[in-house]
Amino acid sequence: VQLQASGGGPVQTGGSLRLSCAVSGRTFSSSGMGWFRQAPGKEREFVAAINWSGISTYYAEFVKGRFTISRDNAKNTLYLEMRSPKTEDTAVYYCAARAVSGWSRSSSNYLYWGQGTLVTVSS
């Protein structure tokens, strides 16, 4: 199973950025998926998660109303739309896949991880 995250880069506050995560080697449409991030000197933290169908989503408080997680099961791809990012959103963003269909905010419940994509937000 491979997860390939992309779309990171520099972005200014008030701008927008969309991260993608392409999944191969697994039945993507039956997997709960999530985004996590790790800022320099900090532990990895939960950002957002989505169930297999895309109907059920869950967000960390600090991104509610700004970030949107979605998925396209026909394209085996997970997305994270970042709107009006803040400088504190600067981090390496990781996508992760579960072996079951529901979402989870706990990193220990994810079996597969992508390599991460760096997002740098400047004012």
N, C-alpha and C. Protein backbone atom coordinates (compact mmCIF):
# COMPACT_ATOMS: atom_id res chain seq x y z
N VAL A 1 0.85 -1.18 0.00
CA VAL A 1 0.00 0.00 0.00
C VAL A 1 0.89 1.23 0.00
N GLN A 2 0.58 2.14 -0.91
CA GLN A 2 1.36 3.38 -0.98
C GLN A 2 0.44 4.59 -0.94
N LEU A 3 0.84 5.58 -0.14
CA LEU A 3 0.15 6.85 -0.08
C LEU A 3 1.13 7.93 -0.48
N GLN A 4 0.75 8.72 -1.45
CA GLN A 4 1.63 9.76 -1.97
C GLN A 4 0.96 11.11 -1.78
N ALA A 5 1.46 11.88 -0.80
CA ALA A 5 0.92 13.21 -0.55
C ALA A 5 1.61 14.24 -1.43
N SER A 6 0.86 15.23 -1.86
CA SER A 6 1.41 16.29 -2.71
C SER A 6 0.60 17.56 -2.52
N GLY A 7 1.09 18.63 -3.11
CA GLY A 7 0.36 19.89 -3.08
C GLY A 7 0.86 20.90 -2.07
N GLY A 8 1.81 20.51 -1.24
CA GLY A 8 2.35 21.44 -0.27
C GLY A 8 3.22 22.50 -0.93
N GLY A 9 3.58 23.50 -0.14
CA GLY A 9 4.42 24.57 -0.66
C GLY A 9 4.19 25.83 0.13
N PRO A 10 4.71 26.94 -0.34
CA PRO A 10 4.50 28.21 0.35
C PRO A 10 3.12 28.78 0.03
N VAL A 11 2.53 29.39 1.03
CA VAL A 11 1.22 30.04 0.86
C VAL A 11 1.15 31.19 1.84
N GLN A 12 0.46 32.24 1.47
CA GLN A 12 0.31 33.38 2.36
C GLN A 12 -0.98 33.28 3.16
N THR A 13 -0.98 33.91 4.30
CA THR A 13 -2.21 33.96 5.10
C THR A 13 -3.30 34.63 4.26
N GLY A 14 -4.49 34.07 4.33
CA GLY A 14 -5.58 34.59 3.51
C GLY A 14 -5.69 33.92 2.17
N GLY A 15 -4.69 33.12 1.82
CA GLY A 15 -4.72 32.40 0.56
C GLY A 15 -5.40 31.05 0.70
N SER A 16 -5.10 30.15 -0.23
CA SER A 16 -5.65 28.81 -0.14
C SER A 16 -4.68 27.81 -0.77
N LEU A 17 -4.84 26.56 -0.37
CA LEU A 17 -3.98 25.50 -0.87
C LEU A 17 -4.75 24.19 -0.79
N ARG A 18 -4.56 23.31 -1.75
CA ARG A 18 -5.20 22.02 -1.70
C ARG A 18 -4.16 20.91 -1.71
N LEU A 19 -4.18 20.10 -0.69
CA LEU A 19 -3.31 18.94 -0.61
C LEU A 19 -4.04 17.73 -1.19
N SER A 20 -3.27 16.86 -1.81
CA SER A 20 -3.82 15.62 -2.37
C SER A 20 -3.05 14.44 -1.82
N CYS A 21 -3.72 13.30 -1.78
CA CYS A 21 -3.06 12.07 -1.34
C CYS A 21 -3.56 10.95 -2.25
N ALA A 22 -2.69 10.46 -3.10
CA ALA A 22 -3.03 9.37 -4.00
C ALA A 22 -2.73 8.04 -3.34
N VAL A 23 -3.68 7.13 -3.38
CA VAL A 23 -3.55 5.84 -2.70
C VAL A 23 -3.54 4.71 -3.73
N SER A 24 -2.60 3.80 -3.58
CA SER A 24 -2.53 2.65 -4.47
C SER A 24 -2.28 1.39 -3.67
N GLY A 25 -2.63 0.26 -4.24
CA GLY A 25 -2.36 -1.01 -3.61
C GLY A 25 -3.35 -1.41 -2.55
N ARG A 26 -4.46 -0.73 -2.47
CA ARG A 26 -5.48 -1.05 -1.47
C ARG A 26 -6.83 -0.58 -1.99
N THR A 27 -7.89 -1.19 -1.49
CA THR A 27 -9.23 -0.74 -1.84
C THR A 27 -9.51 0.56 -1.10
N PHE A 28 -9.19 1.67 -1.75
CA PHE A 28 -9.33 2.98 -1.13
C PHE A 28 -10.74 3.24 -0.69
N SER A 29 -11.70 2.83 -1.49
CA SER A 29 -13.10 3.18 -1.22
C SER A 29 -13.66 2.54 0.04
N SER A 30 -12.94 1.59 0.63
CA SER A 30 -13.42 0.96 1.86
C SER A 30 -12.64 1.42 3.09
N SER A 31 -11.76 2.38 2.93
CA SER A 31 -10.87 2.82 4.01
C SER A 31 -11.25 4.17 4.58
N GLY A 32 -11.27 4.25 5.92
CA GLY A 32 -11.32 5.55 6.55
C GLY A 32 -9.98 6.23 6.36
N MET A 33 -9.98 7.55 6.16
CA MET A 33 -8.76 8.28 5.87
C MET A 33 -8.61 9.48 6.78
N GLY A 34 -7.38 9.94 6.95
CA GLY A 34 -7.16 11.10 7.80
C GLY A 34 -5.96 11.91 7.36
N TRP A 35 -5.94 13.16 7.85
CA TRP A 35 -4.79 14.04 7.69
C TRP A 35 -4.26 14.38 9.09
N PHE A 36 -2.96 14.33 9.20
CA PHE A 36 -2.27 14.73 10.42
C PHE A 36 -1.19 15.72 10.04
N ARG A 37 -0.63 16.40 11.02
CA ARG A 37 0.47 17.33 10.73
C ARG A 37 1.46 17.34 11.87
N GLN A 38 2.68 17.74 11.53
CA GLN A 38 3.73 17.86 12.54
C GLN A 38 4.51 19.13 12.27
N ALA A 39 4.45 20.05 13.20
CA ALA A 39 5.19 21.30 13.10
C ALA A 39 6.57 21.09 13.71
N PRO A 40 7.53 21.92 13.34
CA PRO A 40 8.88 21.79 13.88
C PRO A 40 8.89 21.83 15.40
N GLY A 41 9.51 20.83 16.00
CA GLY A 41 9.63 20.78 17.44
C GLY A 41 8.38 20.35 18.18
N LYS A 42 7.36 19.94 17.43
CA LYS A 42 6.11 19.53 18.06
C LYS A 42 5.77 18.09 17.68
N GLU A 43 4.82 17.53 18.41
CA GLU A 43 4.38 16.18 18.11
C GLU A 43 3.37 16.20 16.97
N ARG A 44 3.22 15.06 16.34
CA ARG A 44 2.23 14.93 15.28
C ARG A 44 0.84 15.09 15.88
N GLU A 45 -0.04 15.81 15.16
CA GLU A 45 -1.39 16.03 15.67
C GLU A 45 -2.43 15.79 14.59
N PHE A 46 -3.60 15.45 15.04
CA PHE A 46 -4.72 15.19 14.16
C PHE A 46 -5.25 16.48 13.55
N VAL A 47 -5.62 16.41 12.25
CA VAL A 47 -6.19 17.56 11.56
C VAL A 47 -7.64 17.28 11.15
N ALA A 48 -7.85 16.22 10.39
CA ALA A 48 -9.19 15.93 9.88
C ALA A 48 -9.27 14.46 9.47
N ALA A 49 -10.50 13.93 9.45
CA ALA A 49 -10.69 12.55 9.05
C ALA A 49 -12.02 12.40 8.31
N ILE A 50 -12.11 11.32 7.54
CA ILE A 50 -13.30 11.11 6.72
C ILE A 50 -13.57 9.62 6.61
N ASN A 51 -14.84 9.25 6.57
CA ASN A 51 -15.15 7.82 6.48
C ASN A 51 -15.08 7.36 5.02
N TRP A 52 -15.36 6.10 4.79
CA TRP A 52 -15.16 5.52 3.47
C TRP A 52 -15.97 6.19 2.37
N SER A 53 -17.17 6.64 2.71
CA SER A 53 -18.06 7.20 1.69
C SER A 53 -17.89 8.70 1.52
N GLY A 54 -17.28 9.34 2.51
CA GLY A 54 -17.16 10.79 2.46
C GLY A 54 -18.29 11.52 3.14
N ILE A 55 -19.28 10.78 3.61
CA ILE A 55 -20.45 11.40 4.24
C ILE A 55 -20.12 11.91 5.63
N SER A 56 -19.28 11.19 6.34
CA SER A 56 -18.95 11.56 7.72
C SER A 56 -17.54 12.09 7.82
N THR A 57 -17.40 13.30 8.40
CA THR A 57 -16.09 13.92 8.56
C THR A 57 -15.94 14.43 10.00
N TYR A 58 -14.69 14.63 10.37
CA TYR A 58 -14.40 15.14 11.72
C TYR A 58 -13.17 16.01 11.64
N TYR A 59 -13.19 17.15 12.38
CA TYR A 59 -12.09 18.11 12.31
C TYR A 59 -11.57 18.45 13.70
N ALA A 60 -10.28 18.75 13.75
CA ALA A 60 -9.72 19.34 14.95
C ALA A 60 -10.30 20.74 15.08
N GLU A 61 -10.48 21.18 16.31
CA GLU A 61 -11.09 22.48 16.56
C GLU A 61 -10.36 23.61 15.85
N PHE A 62 -9.05 23.53 15.80
CA PHE A 62 -8.28 24.66 15.28
C PHE A 62 -8.37 24.79 13.76
N VAL A 63 -9.01 23.84 13.06
CA VAL A 63 -9.16 23.99 11.60
C VAL A 63 -10.62 24.06 11.17
N LYS A 64 -11.53 23.91 12.11
CA LYS A 64 -12.95 23.95 11.76
C LYS A 64 -13.31 25.27 11.07
N GLY A 65 -14.02 25.15 9.97
CA GLY A 65 -14.43 26.32 9.22
C GLY A 65 -13.37 26.84 8.26
N ARG A 66 -12.16 26.33 8.32
CA ARG A 66 -11.09 26.78 7.43
C ARG A 66 -10.63 25.67 6.49
N PHE A 67 -10.57 24.44 6.98
CA PHE A 67 -10.11 23.30 6.19
C PHE A 67 -11.29 22.40 5.86
N THR A 68 -11.21 21.75 4.69
CA THR A 68 -12.23 20.79 4.29
C THR A 68 -11.56 19.52 3.79
N ILE A 69 -11.93 18.40 4.38
CA ILE A 69 -11.43 17.11 3.91
C ILE A 69 -12.48 16.50 2.98
N SER A 70 -12.00 15.89 1.90
CA SER A 70 -12.91 15.25 0.96
C SER A 70 -12.16 14.11 0.27
N ARG A 71 -12.90 13.33 -0.50
CA ARG A 71 -12.28 12.21 -1.19
C ARG A 71 -13.00 11.94 -2.50
N ASP A 72 -12.27 11.38 -3.44
CA ASP A 72 -12.83 10.96 -4.72
C ASP A 72 -12.48 9.48 -4.86
N ASN A 73 -13.44 8.63 -4.57
CA ASN A 73 -13.16 7.19 -4.59
C ASN A 73 -12.90 6.67 -6.01
N ALA A 74 -13.41 7.37 -6.99
CA ALA A 74 -13.16 6.95 -8.38
C ALA A 74 -11.71 7.20 -8.77
N LYS A 75 -11.08 8.18 -8.12
CA LYS A 75 -9.70 8.53 -8.42
C LYS A 75 -8.73 8.05 -7.35
N ASN A 76 -9.24 7.33 -6.33
CA ASN A 76 -8.38 6.86 -5.23
C ASN A 76 -7.57 8.00 -4.61
N THR A 77 -8.22 9.13 -4.40
CA THR A 77 -7.50 10.31 -3.93
C THR A 77 -8.24 10.98 -2.78
N LEU A 78 -7.46 11.39 -1.81
CA LEU A 78 -7.93 12.15 -0.65
C LEU A 78 -7.46 13.59 -0.79
N TYR A 79 -8.28 14.54 -0.31
CA TYR A 79 -7.92 15.95 -0.42
C TYR A 79 -8.04 16.65 0.93
N LEU A 80 -7.30 17.74 1.05
CA LEU A 80 -7.47 18.66 2.17
C LEU A 80 -7.39 20.07 1.60
N GLU A 81 -8.52 20.75 1.62
CA GLU A 81 -8.59 22.12 1.14
C GLU A 81 -8.32 23.04 2.33
N MET A 82 -7.30 23.89 2.18
CA MET A 82 -6.91 24.80 3.24
C MET A 82 -7.26 26.21 2.82
N ARG A 83 -8.14 26.86 3.54
CA ARG A 83 -8.53 28.24 3.23
C ARG A 83 -8.11 29.14 4.38
N SER A 84 -7.69 30.33 4.04
CA SER A 84 -7.23 31.30 5.04
C SER A 84 -6.29 30.67 6.06
N PRO A 85 -5.23 30.04 5.61
CA PRO A 85 -4.30 29.42 6.56
C PRO A 85 -3.64 30.47 7.44
N LYS A 86 -3.20 30.04 8.59
CA LYS A 86 -2.50 30.89 9.52
C LYS A 86 -1.05 30.45 9.59
N THR A 87 -0.20 31.32 10.09
CA THR A 87 1.22 30.96 10.18
C THR A 87 1.41 29.71 11.05
N GLU A 88 0.55 29.54 12.05
CA GLU A 88 0.67 28.37 12.91
C GLU A 88 0.24 27.07 12.23
N ASP A 89 -0.27 27.14 11.01
CA ASP A 89 -0.59 25.95 10.24
C ASP A 89 0.64 25.39 9.51
N THR A 90 1.75 26.10 9.60
CA THR A 90 2.99 25.62 8.99
C THR A 90 3.39 24.28 9.60
N ALA A 91 3.55 23.27 8.75
CA ALA A 91 3.85 21.92 9.23
C ALA A 91 4.03 20.99 8.05
N VAL A 92 4.53 19.81 8.34
CA VAL A 92 4.50 18.73 7.36
C VAL A 92 3.16 18.02 7.54
N TYR A 93 2.42 17.88 6.46
CA TYR A 93 1.09 17.26 6.50
C TYR A 93 1.19 15.83 5.96
N TYR A 94 0.62 14.91 6.73
CA TYR A 94 0.64 13.50 6.38
C TYR A 94 -0.78 12.97 6.15
N CYS A 95 -0.94 12.16 5.12
CA CYS A 95 -2.20 11.45 4.96
C CYS A 95 -2.02 10.03 5.48
N ALA A 96 -3.11 9.45 5.93
CA ALA A 96 -3.05 8.12 6.52
C ALA A 96 -4.32 7.35 6.20
N ALA A 97 -4.19 6.03 6.14
CA ALA A 97 -5.32 5.17 5.81
C ALA A 97 -5.54 4.14 6.90
N ARG A 98 -6.80 3.85 7.14
CA ARG A 98 -7.15 2.82 8.11
C ARG A 98 -7.44 1.51 7.38
N ALA A 99 -7.49 0.44 8.16
CA ALA A 99 -7.86 -0.86 7.62
C ALA A 99 -9.37 -1.08 7.67
N VAL A 100 -10.08 -0.12 8.27
CA VAL A 100 -11.54 -0.20 8.37
C VAL A 100 -12.16 1.04 7.76
N SER A 101 -13.49 1.07 7.69
CA SER A 101 -14.17 2.10 6.91
C SER A 101 -14.45 3.41 7.65
N GLY A 102 -14.42 3.38 8.98
CA GLY A 102 -14.75 4.58 9.73
C GLY A 102 -13.57 5.50 9.92
N TRP A 103 -13.86 6.73 10.37
CA TRP A 103 -12.78 7.67 10.63
C TRP A 103 -12.32 7.55 12.07
N SER A 104 -11.16 8.10 12.36
CA SER A 104 -10.63 8.13 13.72
C SER A 104 -9.72 9.33 13.85
N ARG A 105 -9.65 9.89 15.03
CA ARG A 105 -8.74 11.02 15.28
C ARG A 105 -7.46 10.56 15.95
N SER A 106 -7.34 9.28 16.18
CA SER A 106 -6.15 8.74 16.83
C SER A 106 -5.18 8.17 15.80
N SER A 107 -3.95 8.65 15.82
CA SER A 107 -2.97 8.19 14.84
C SER A 107 -2.68 6.70 14.98
N SER A 108 -2.86 6.15 16.16
CA SER A 108 -2.58 4.73 16.37
C SER A 108 -3.59 3.83 15.65
N ASN A 109 -4.69 4.41 15.20
CA ASN A 109 -5.71 3.64 14.47
C ASN A 109 -5.49 3.63 12.97
N TYR A 110 -4.42 4.24 12.52
CA TYR A 110 -4.11 4.28 11.09
C TYR A 110 -2.95 3.33 10.79
N LEU A 111 -3.14 2.56 9.75
CA LEU A 111 -2.18 1.50 9.43
C LEU A 111 -1.15 1.94 8.40
N TYR A 112 -1.55 2.80 7.47
CA TYR A 112 -0.67 3.20 6.38
C TYR A 112 -0.50 4.71 6.37
N TRP A 113 0.74 5.16 6.06
CA TRP A 113 1.05 6.58 6.10
C TRP A 113 1.78 7.01 4.83
N GLY A 114 1.49 8.22 4.42
CA GLY A 114 2.23 8.82 3.32
C GLY A 114 3.51 9.46 3.85
N GLN A 115 4.30 10.00 2.94
CA GLN A 115 5.61 10.54 3.30
C GLN A 115 5.56 11.97 3.80
N GLY A 116 4.44 12.64 3.63
CA GLY A 116 4.32 14.01 4.11
C GLY A 116 4.62 15.03 3.05
N THR A 117 3.94 16.17 3.17
CA THR A 117 4.19 17.30 2.26
C THR A 117 4.23 18.56 3.11
N LEU A 118 5.22 19.40 2.87
CA LEU A 118 5.47 20.56 3.71
C LEU A 118 4.62 21.75 3.26
N VAL A 119 3.92 22.34 4.21
CA VAL A 119 3.17 23.57 3.97
C VAL A 119 3.79 24.67 4.81
N THR A 120 4.15 25.76 4.16
CA THR A 120 4.75 26.90 4.85
C THR A 120 3.87 28.11 4.64
N VAL A 121 3.33 28.63 5.74
CA VAL A 121 2.42 29.78 5.67
C VAL A 121 3.14 31.02 6.17
N SER A 122 3.10 32.06 5.36
CA SER A 122 3.75 33.30 5.74
C SER A 122 2.75 34.45 5.67
N SER A 123 3.01 35.48 6.44
CA SER A 123 2.10 36.63 6.48
C SER A 123 2.56 37.72 5.52
